[in-house]
Amino acid sequence: MEVLTGSRCSFWCIGSGQWDLWCLPGVDRANPLSSASSPSSLSQQEVATKIKQTHSLAVLLKHRSEQLLAEYVRQQGEPFSSPDFQPPAMAVPGLTSPSVPPEAWLALSNEKRLWHLAVAYATLPGLLGSVWRQQADLNPLASELHRQLEAAARQCRGLAGNLEGIMGALGVSGPPPPSSSLGGPATSAFLAKLSGYHVCRLHRDWARRSHEALGLLHTKYPL
């Protein structure tokens, strides 16, 4: 793994294929998206490099989020693993679906897309951690699923930190961190599995949006 550093921020990037958590200087781990409202002193070349590296992380996250959802469904058994099963809708506390249609999403400004991503990735690590704890009880032998859930939470924290740094460099203020817990215990195993399904599904959907948004941002700040 390689870490890029600038005058204010450190960034995760792909090197060894591993994801490690690096704390951004001056950024609280509990509130990673409290970005400054004024641009940093990074040069445009440095900003472009950080955006390129973050886009590379988003490409990897998109692929792994799809793997996680497939593995989650496989481990839940019936009815989740049935090809004809349509999971009932369920709200996930603190995290909404990317409700903006794809065309409208692409029409948003880079700043607005970054803001929406910051909201999602402030919330996803805690939600994925809650799903991991649920699955440790419901499927204690599903070690590969447990590994992927832990990795997904770690990867989302990494992307959140990179987003914070990019937003600070561009002078975009981040939103306050929302709640990121599934709340109290589910009243049945089915409801627990259903809530976990929707977290993994939203993780995949936001990974797809981050891939698109950061790809567009990369074209605006080419190396």
Protein backbone atom coordinates (compact mmCIF):
# COMPACT_ATOMS: atom_id res chain seq x y z
CA MET A 1 0.00 0.00 0.00
CA GLU A 2 1.08 3.56 -0.72
CA VAL A 3 0.06 6.63 1.22
CA LEU A 4 0.04 10.01 -0.46
CA THR A 5 0.54 12.99 1.78
CA GLY A 6 -0.02 16.67 1.20
CA SER A 7 0.14 19.71 3.39
CA ARG A 8 -2.98 18.69 5.29
CA CYS A 9 -4.13 15.19 4.42
CA SER A 10 -3.02 11.60 4.03
CA PHE A 11 -4.79 9.37 1.53
CA TRP A 12 -5.34 5.66 1.14
CA CYS A 13 -4.31 4.26 -2.20
CA ILE A 14 -3.77 0.87 -3.76
CA GLY A 15 -0.33 -0.68 -3.65
CA SER A 16 -0.03 -4.06 -2.00
CA GLY A 17 -3.73 -4.79 -2.47
CA GLN A 18 -4.38 -4.32 1.26
CA TRP A 19 -6.50 -1.62 2.85
CA ASP A 20 -5.16 -0.06 6.03
CA LEU A 21 -6.61 2.77 8.08
CA TRP A 22 -4.53 5.92 8.20
CA CYS A 23 -5.78 8.73 10.40
CA LEU A 24 -5.87 12.05 8.65
CA PRO A 25 -3.89 14.69 10.56
CA GLY A 26 -6.22 17.01 12.40
CA VAL A 27 -9.29 14.86 11.67
CA ASP A 28 -11.26 13.16 14.42
CA ARG A 29 -11.79 9.43 13.68
CA ALA A 30 -15.28 9.70 15.17
CA ASN A 31 -16.13 12.61 12.88
CA PRO A 32 -14.13 12.05 9.69
CA LEU A 33 -16.24 14.31 7.49
CA SER A 34 -16.01 17.59 9.36
CA SER A 35 -14.08 19.13 6.48
CA ALA A 36 -12.98 22.71 6.34
CA SER A 37 -14.92 25.19 4.26
CA SER A 38 -11.86 26.84 2.75
CA PRO A 39 -9.59 25.17 0.19
CA SER A 40 -6.30 23.67 1.29
CA SER A 41 -2.99 24.86 -0.11
CA LEU A 42 -2.50 21.74 -2.24
CA SER A 43 -1.54 22.31 -5.85
CA GLN A 44 -3.91 21.24 -8.62
CA GLN A 45 -1.49 18.43 -9.48
CA GLU A 46 -1.63 17.14 -5.90
CA VAL A 47 -5.42 17.35 -5.85
CA ALA A 48 -5.59 15.51 -9.20
CA THR A 49 -3.34 12.75 -7.85
CA LYS A 50 -5.50 12.30 -4.77
CA ILE A 51 -8.67 12.19 -6.87
CA LYS A 52 -7.14 9.56 -9.16
CA GLN A 53 -6.14 7.40 -6.20
CA THR A 54 -9.57 7.76 -4.60
CA HIS A 55 -11.24 6.81 -7.87
CA SER A 56 -9.08 3.67 -7.94
CA LEU A 57 -10.34 2.82 -4.45
CA ALA A 58 -13.92 3.37 -5.62
CA VAL A 59 -13.39 0.95 -8.52
CA LEU A 60 -12.21 -1.71 -6.08
CA LEU A 61 -15.02 -0.96 -3.63
CA LYS A 62 -17.64 -1.31 -6.37
CA HIS A 63 -16.34 -4.77 -7.28
CA ARG A 64 -16.10 -5.95 -3.68
CA SER A 65 -19.53 -4.58 -2.72
CA GLU A 66 -21.07 -6.74 -5.44
CA GLN A 67 -19.17 -9.75 -4.12
CA LEU A 68 -20.35 -9.01 -0.59
CA LEU A 69 -24.01 -8.82 -1.55
CA ALA A 70 -23.79 -12.12 -3.43
CA GLU A 71 -22.03 -13.81 -0.50
CA TYR A 72 -24.54 -12.37 1.97
CA VAL A 73 -27.51 -13.71 0.01
CA ARG A 74 -25.83 -17.11 -0.39
CA GLN A 75 -25.30 -17.47 3.36
CA GLN A 76 -28.84 -16.57 4.43
CA GLY A 77 -30.53 -19.63 2.99
CA GLU A 78 -34.19 -19.70 2.03
CA PRO A 79 -36.02 -17.58 1.08
CA PHE A 80 -33.12 -15.18 0.38
CA SER A 81 -31.22 -17.58 -1.85
CA SER A 82 -34.28 -18.32 -4.00
CA PRO A 83 -34.01 -16.70 -7.47
CA ASP A 84 -37.67 -15.64 -7.27
CA PHE A 85 -37.49 -14.03 -3.83
CA GLN A 86 -38.20 -10.31 -3.74
CA PRO A 87 -37.04 -8.95 -0.35
CA PRO A 88 -39.65 -6.67 1.26
CA ALA A 89 -38.74 -3.00 1.46
CA MET A 90 -37.18 -1.86 4.72
CA ALA A 91 -35.79 1.51 5.78
CA VAL A 92 -32.18 1.56 7.00
CA PRO A 93 -31.64 4.08 9.84
CA GLY A 94 -29.45 6.98 8.74
CA LEU A 95 -28.93 5.77 5.18
CA THR A 96 -31.16 6.42 2.20
CA SER A 97 -31.09 4.82 -1.20
CA PRO A 98 -29.42 6.81 -3.99
CA SER A 99 -32.87 8.11 -4.92
CA VAL A 100 -31.68 10.60 -7.53
CA PRO A 101 -32.12 8.97 -10.97
CA PRO A 102 -28.83 8.19 -12.73
CA GLU A 103 -29.31 10.95 -15.29
CA ALA A 104 -30.07 13.53 -12.62
CA TRP A 105 -27.14 12.26 -10.52
CA LEU A 106 -24.73 12.85 -13.38
CA ALA A 107 -26.22 16.32 -13.89
CA LEU A 108 -25.44 17.39 -10.30
CA SER A 109 -22.38 19.49 -9.60
CA ASN A 110 -19.24 17.72 -8.41
CA GLU A 111 -19.67 19.43 -5.03
CA LYS A 112 -23.22 18.10 -4.56
CA ARG A 113 -22.23 14.58 -5.57
CA LEU A 114 -19.33 14.65 -3.09
CA TRP A 115 -21.68 15.86 -0.36
CA HIS A 116 -24.11 12.97 -0.94
CA LEU A 117 -21.26 10.47 -0.95
CA ALA A 118 -19.91 11.95 2.28
CA VAL A 119 -23.29 11.40 3.97
CA ALA A 120 -23.42 7.76 2.84
CA TYR A 121 -19.83 6.90 3.74
CA ALA A 122 -20.09 8.52 7.16
CA THR A 123 -22.87 6.04 7.90
CA LEU A 124 -21.92 2.82 6.13
CA PRO A 125 -19.01 1.69 8.38
CA GLY A 126 -21.20 1.57 11.49
CA LEU A 127 -24.05 -0.15 9.66
CA LEU A 128 -21.77 -2.79 8.17
CA GLY A 129 -20.32 -3.36 11.63
CA SER A 130 -23.82 -3.95 12.96
CA VAL A 131 -24.50 -6.48 10.20
CA TRP A 132 -21.23 -8.24 11.02
CA ARG A 133 -22.32 -8.61 14.66
CA GLN A 134 -25.73 -9.92 13.58
CA GLN A 135 -24.17 -12.47 11.27
CA ALA A 136 -21.71 -13.60 13.93
CA ASP A 137 -24.80 -14.76 15.87
CA LEU A 138 -26.99 -15.93 12.98
CA ASN A 139 -24.27 -17.57 10.85
CA PRO A 140 -21.29 -18.22 13.16
CA LEU A 141 -19.59 -20.52 10.64
CA ALA A 142 -19.81 -18.10 7.68
CA SER A 143 -16.21 -16.97 8.05
CA GLU A 144 -15.88 -15.64 4.50
CA LEU A 145 -18.97 -13.45 4.95
CA HIS A 146 -17.62 -12.18 8.27
CA ARG A 147 -14.30 -11.34 6.62
CA GLN A 148 -15.98 -9.49 3.77
CA LEU A 149 -18.20 -7.48 6.14
CA GLU A 150 -15.22 -6.44 8.25
CA ALA A 151 -13.27 -5.51 5.13
CA ALA A 152 -16.21 -3.53 3.72
CA ALA A 153 -16.51 -1.45 6.90
CA ARG A 154 -12.78 -0.75 6.80
CA GLN A 155 -12.86 0.13 3.10
CA CYS A 156 -15.78 2.52 3.62
CA ARG A 157 -13.88 4.28 6.39
CA GLY A 158 -10.96 4.63 4.01
CA LEU A 159 -13.10 6.08 1.25
CA ALA A 160 -14.76 8.43 3.75
CA GLY A 161 -11.34 9.72 4.78
CA ASN A 162 -10.30 10.24 1.18
CA LEU A 163 -13.54 12.07 0.44
CA GLU A 164 -12.94 14.31 3.45
CA GLY A 165 -9.51 15.20 2.12
CA ILE A 166 -10.75 15.92 -1.40
CA MET A 167 -13.61 18.05 -0.11
CA GLY A 168 -11.22 20.00 2.10
CA ALA A 169 -8.88 20.55 -0.84
CA LEU A 170 -11.76 21.82 -2.98
CA GLY A 171 -13.29 23.95 -0.23
CA VAL A 172 -16.46 21.84 0.08
CA SER A 173 -17.92 21.55 3.58
CA GLY A 174 -18.93 18.06 4.65
CA PRO A 175 -22.20 17.21 6.40
CA PRO A 176 -22.37 16.33 10.10
CA PRO A 177 -22.06 12.58 10.77
CA PRO A 178 -25.46 10.89 11.08
CA SER A 179 -26.40 7.91 13.23
CA SER A 180 -24.92 4.69 11.89
CA SER A 181 -26.51 1.89 13.89
CA LEU A 182 -29.29 -0.55 13.08
CA GLY A 183 -30.79 0.19 16.49
CA GLY A 184 -32.09 -2.45 18.85
CA PRO A 185 -32.09 -6.19 18.16
CA ALA A 186 -34.44 -7.44 15.46
CA THR A 187 -37.55 -9.24 16.64
CA SER A 188 -36.84 -12.28 14.44
CA ALA A 189 -34.00 -13.89 12.53
CA PHE A 190 -35.78 -13.10 9.26
CA LEU A 191 -35.96 -9.38 10.06
CA ALA A 192 -32.31 -9.36 11.11
CA LYS A 193 -31.34 -11.01 7.83
CA LEU A 194 -33.57 -8.61 5.91
CA SER A 195 -32.02 -5.53 7.50
CA GLY A 196 -28.55 -6.89 6.74
CA TYR A 197 -29.56 -7.52 3.15
CA HIS A 198 -30.67 -3.93 2.68
CA VAL A 199 -27.44 -2.59 4.22
CA CYS A 200 -25.38 -4.70 1.80
CA ARG A 201 -27.60 -3.66 -1.11
CA LEU A 202 -27.24 0.04 -0.26
CA HIS A 203 -23.50 -0.46 0.14
CA ARG A 204 -23.40 -1.78 -3.43
CA ASP A 205 -25.64 1.01 -4.75
CA TRP A 206 -23.54 3.76 -3.15
CA ALA A 207 -20.34 2.10 -4.36
CA ARG A 208 -21.67 2.33 -7.89
CA ARG A 209 -22.50 6.00 -7.40
CA SER A 210 -19.07 6.72 -5.93
CA HIS A 211 -17.44 5.03 -8.92
CA GLU A 212 -19.41 7.28 -11.30
CA ALA A 213 -18.93 10.50 -9.31
CA LEU A 214 -15.21 10.09 -8.77
CA GLY A 215 -14.73 9.10 -12.40
CA LEU A 216 -16.36 12.37 -13.45
CA LEU A 217 -14.26 14.30 -10.96
CA HIS A 218 -11.13 12.63 -12.28
CA THR A 219 -11.91 13.84 -15.79
CA LYS A 220 -12.16 17.41 -14.46
CA TYR A 221 -8.78 17.15 -12.68
CA PRO A 222 -6.65 15.01 -15.03
CA LEU A 223 -3.02 14.30 -14.24
